Amino acid sequence: MDENLTVRRAPKYGVFLALGAALGIVAAMVLTFSFSGTFDQSPNTGLVYDQGQVFGFLLLICIPLGLAIMGGLALILDRTVGRRTRAVRVDHTVDHDVA
């Protein structure tokens, strides 16, 4: 029994999101360690933040941005590449084994 099916390619969203999170971590690391910063008190809170705290704050910003950018890229690729479909012919067999 032959059937015709439509096949289309789709990006793996998990891979794109993992890559976006990794890029966000790298961006936070670069931003944290590329600037010397200051050891003065914050005018808003009156606290002194060390590099670990700054890295944590930047992670809270950069990871969601990386996820959003790479997720958007995956959606755009899905829309553009997903339009190209092709028809394939498959052979459908039914096997009824009764024990």
C-alpha atoms as a PDB file:
ATOM      1  CA  MET A   1       0.000   0.000   0.000  1.00  0.00           C
ATOM      2  CA  ASP A   2       1.716   3.181  -1.203  1.00  0.00           C
ATOM      3  CA  GLU A   3       1.032   6.615   0.225  1.00  0.00           C
ATOM      4  CA  ASN A   4       2.315  10.101  -0.515  1.00  0.00           C
ATOM      5  CA  LEU A   5       3.559  12.166   2.410  1.00  0.00           C
ATOM      6  CA  THR A   6       4.836  15.731   2.657  1.00  0.00           C
ATOM      7  CA  VAL A   7       8.215  16.148   4.361  1.00  0.00           C
ATOM      8  CA  ARG A   8       9.734  19.419   5.508  1.00  0.00           C
ATOM      9  CA  ARG A   9      12.859  20.289   7.440  1.00  0.00           C
ATOM     10  CA  ALA A  10      12.621  22.082  10.776  1.00  0.00           C
ATOM     11  CA  PRO A  11      15.345  23.473  13.049  1.00  0.00           C
ATOM     12  CA  LYS A  12      15.960  21.856  16.413  1.00  0.00           C
ATOM     13  CA  TYR A  13      14.794  24.510  18.849  1.00  0.00           C
ATOM     14  CA  GLY A  14      16.593  22.970  21.824  1.00  0.00           C
ATOM     15  CA  VAL A  15      19.944  23.307  20.093  1.00  0.00           C
ATOM     16  CA  PHE A  16      19.273  26.942  19.200  1.00  0.00           C
ATOM     17  CA  LEU A  17      18.179  27.768  22.764  1.00  0.00           C
ATOM     18  CA  ALA A  18      21.194  26.010  24.306  1.00  0.00           C
ATOM     19  CA  LEU A  19      23.474  27.925  21.960  1.00  0.00           C
ATOM     20  CA  GLY A  20      21.716  31.179  22.908  1.00  0.00           C
ATOM     21  CA  ALA A  21      22.230  30.472  26.620  1.00  0.00           C
ATOM     22  CA  ALA A  22      25.896  29.648  26.015  1.00  0.00           C
ATOM     23  CA  LEU A  23      26.365  32.849  24.025  1.00  0.00           C
ATOM     24  CA  GLY A  24      24.689  34.786  26.850  1.00  0.00           C
ATOM     25  CA  ILE A  25      27.128  33.309  29.375  1.00  0.00           C
ATOM     26  CA  VAL A  26      30.108  34.175  27.172  1.00  0.00           C
ATOM     27  CA  ALA A  27      28.799  37.722  26.650  1.00  0.00           C
ATOM     28  CA  ALA A  28      28.329  38.185  30.411  1.00  0.00           C
ATOM     29  CA  MET A  29      31.853  36.898  31.038  1.00  0.00           C
ATOM     30  CA  VAL A  30      33.350  39.222  28.423  1.00  0.00           C
ATOM     31  CA  LEU A  31      31.448  42.215  29.774  1.00  0.00           C
ATOM     32  CA  THR A  32      32.418  41.423  33.358  1.00  0.00           C
ATOM     33  CA  PHE A  33      36.128  40.945  32.834  1.00  0.00           C
ATOM     34  CA  SER A  34      36.784  43.412  30.013  1.00  0.00           C
ATOM     35  CA  PHE A  35      35.954  46.501  32.068  1.00  0.00           C
ATOM     36  CA  SER A  36      37.878  47.324  35.219  1.00  0.00           C
ATOM     37  CA  GLY A  37      34.850  48.805  36.960  1.00  0.00           C
ATOM     38  CA  THR A  38      35.064  50.816  40.134  1.00  0.00           C
ATOM     39  CA  PHE A  39      35.438  50.089  43.810  1.00  0.00           C
ATOM     40  CA  ASP A  40      33.252  53.036  44.840  1.00  0.00           C
ATOM     41  CA  GLN A  41      29.888  52.683  46.470  1.00  0.00           C
ATOM     42  CA  SER A  42      26.848  52.542  44.234  1.00  0.00           C
ATOM     43  CA  PRO A  43      24.995  55.861  44.318  1.00  0.00           C
ATOM     44  CA  ASN A  44      21.661  54.009  44.263  1.00  0.00           C
ATOM     45  CA  THR A  45      22.187  51.322  46.902  1.00  0.00           C
ATOM     46  CA  GLY A  46      25.266  52.444  48.807  1.00  0.00           C
ATOM     47  CA  LEU A  47      26.905  49.022  48.305  1.00  0.00           C
ATOM     48  CA  VAL A  48      30.160  47.948  46.690  1.00  0.00           C
ATOM     49  CA  TYR A  49      29.701  45.134  44.137  1.00  0.00           C
ATOM     50  CA  ASP A  50      32.512  42.683  43.414  1.00  0.00           C
ATOM     51  CA  GLN A  51      33.093  41.017  40.028  1.00  0.00           C
ATOM     52  CA  GLY A  52      31.159  37.881  40.993  1.00  0.00           C
ATOM     53  CA  GLN A  53      28.056  39.892  41.753  1.00  0.00           C
ATOM     54  CA  VAL A  54      28.397  41.899  38.559  1.00  0.00           C
ATOM     55  CA  PHE A  55      28.791  38.643  36.614  1.00  0.00           C
ATOM     56  CA  GLY A  56      25.609  37.303  38.219  1.00  0.00           C
ATOM     57  CA  PHE A  57      23.669  40.451  37.372  1.00  0.00           C
ATOM     58  CA  LEU A  58      24.891  40.332  33.794  1.00  0.00           C
ATOM     59  CA  LEU A  59      23.921  36.657  33.543  1.00  0.00           C
ATOM     60  CA  LEU A  60      20.379  37.636  34.496  1.00  0.00           C
ATOM     61  CA  ILE A  61      20.326  39.977  31.504  1.00  0.00           C
ATOM     62  CA  CYS A  62      22.491  38.216  28.894  1.00  0.00           C
ATOM     63  CA  ILE A  63      21.051  34.683  29.109  1.00  0.00           C
ATOM     64  CA  PRO A  64      17.431  35.738  28.397  1.00  0.00           C
ATOM     65  CA  LEU A  65      18.671  37.991  25.598  1.00  0.00           C
ATOM     66  CA  GLY A  66      20.645  35.115  24.071  1.00  0.00           C
ATOM     67  CA  LEU A  67      17.628  32.824  24.382  1.00  0.00           C
ATOM     68  CA  ALA A  68      15.369  35.397  22.735  1.00  0.00           C
ATOM     69  CA  ILE A  69      17.768  36.113  19.878  1.00  0.00           C
ATOM     70  CA  MET A  70      18.498  32.487  19.062  1.00  0.00           C
ATOM     71  CA  GLY A  71      14.857  31.469  19.535  1.00  0.00           C
ATOM     72  CA  GLY A  72      13.838  34.215  17.113  1.00  0.00           C
ATOM     73  CA  LEU A  73      16.467  33.033  14.652  1.00  0.00           C
ATOM     74  CA  ALA A  74      15.117  29.477  14.899  1.00  0.00           C
ATOM     75  CA  LEU A  75      11.581  30.748  14.232  1.00  0.00           C
ATOM     76  CA  ILE A  76      12.759  32.745  11.224  1.00  0.00           C
ATOM     77  CA  LEU A  77      14.610  29.717   9.849  1.00  0.00           C
ATOM     78  CA  ASP A  78      11.556  27.545  10.458  1.00  0.00           C
ATOM     79  CA  ARG A  79       9.391  29.947   8.474  1.00  0.00           C
ATOM     80  CA  THR A  80      11.811  30.284   5.554  1.00  0.00           C
ATOM     81  CA  VAL A  81      13.105  26.721   5.317  1.00  0.00           C
ATOM     82  CA  GLY A  82       9.758  25.225   6.337  1.00  0.00           C
ATOM     83  CA  ARG A  83       8.127  26.535   3.182  1.00  0.00           C
ATOM     84  CA  ARG A  84      10.159  24.140   1.099  1.00  0.00           C
ATOM     85  CA  THR A  85       8.358  20.848   1.292  1.00  0.00           C
ATOM     86  CA  ARG A  86       8.710  17.802  -0.831  1.00  0.00           C
ATOM     87  CA  ALA A  87       6.438  14.894  -1.472  1.00  0.00           C
ATOM     88  CA  VAL A  88       7.794  11.410  -0.882  1.00  0.00           C
ATOM     89  CA  ARG A  89       6.278   8.069  -1.638  1.00  0.00           C
ATOM     90  CA  VAL A  90       6.236   5.637   1.275  1.00  0.00           C
ATOM     91  CA  ASP A  91       5.314   2.009   1.501  1.00  0.00           C
ATOM     92  CA  HIS A  92       2.869   1.413   4.330  1.00  0.00           C
ATOM     93  CA  THR A  93       2.662  -2.083   5.737  1.00  0.00           C
ATOM     94  CA  VAL A  94       0.431  -3.344   8.490  1.00  0.00           C
ATOM     95  CA  ASP A  95       1.615  -6.314  10.494  1.00  0.00           C
ATOM     96  CA  HIS A  96      -0.929  -8.071  12.669  1.00  0.00           C
ATOM     97  CA  ASP A  97       0.828 -10.612  14.853  1.00  0.00           C
ATOM     98  CA  VAL A  98      -1.514 -12.244  17.293  1.00  0.00           C
ATOM     99  CA  ALA A  99       0.239 -14.277  19.941  1.00  0.00           C
END
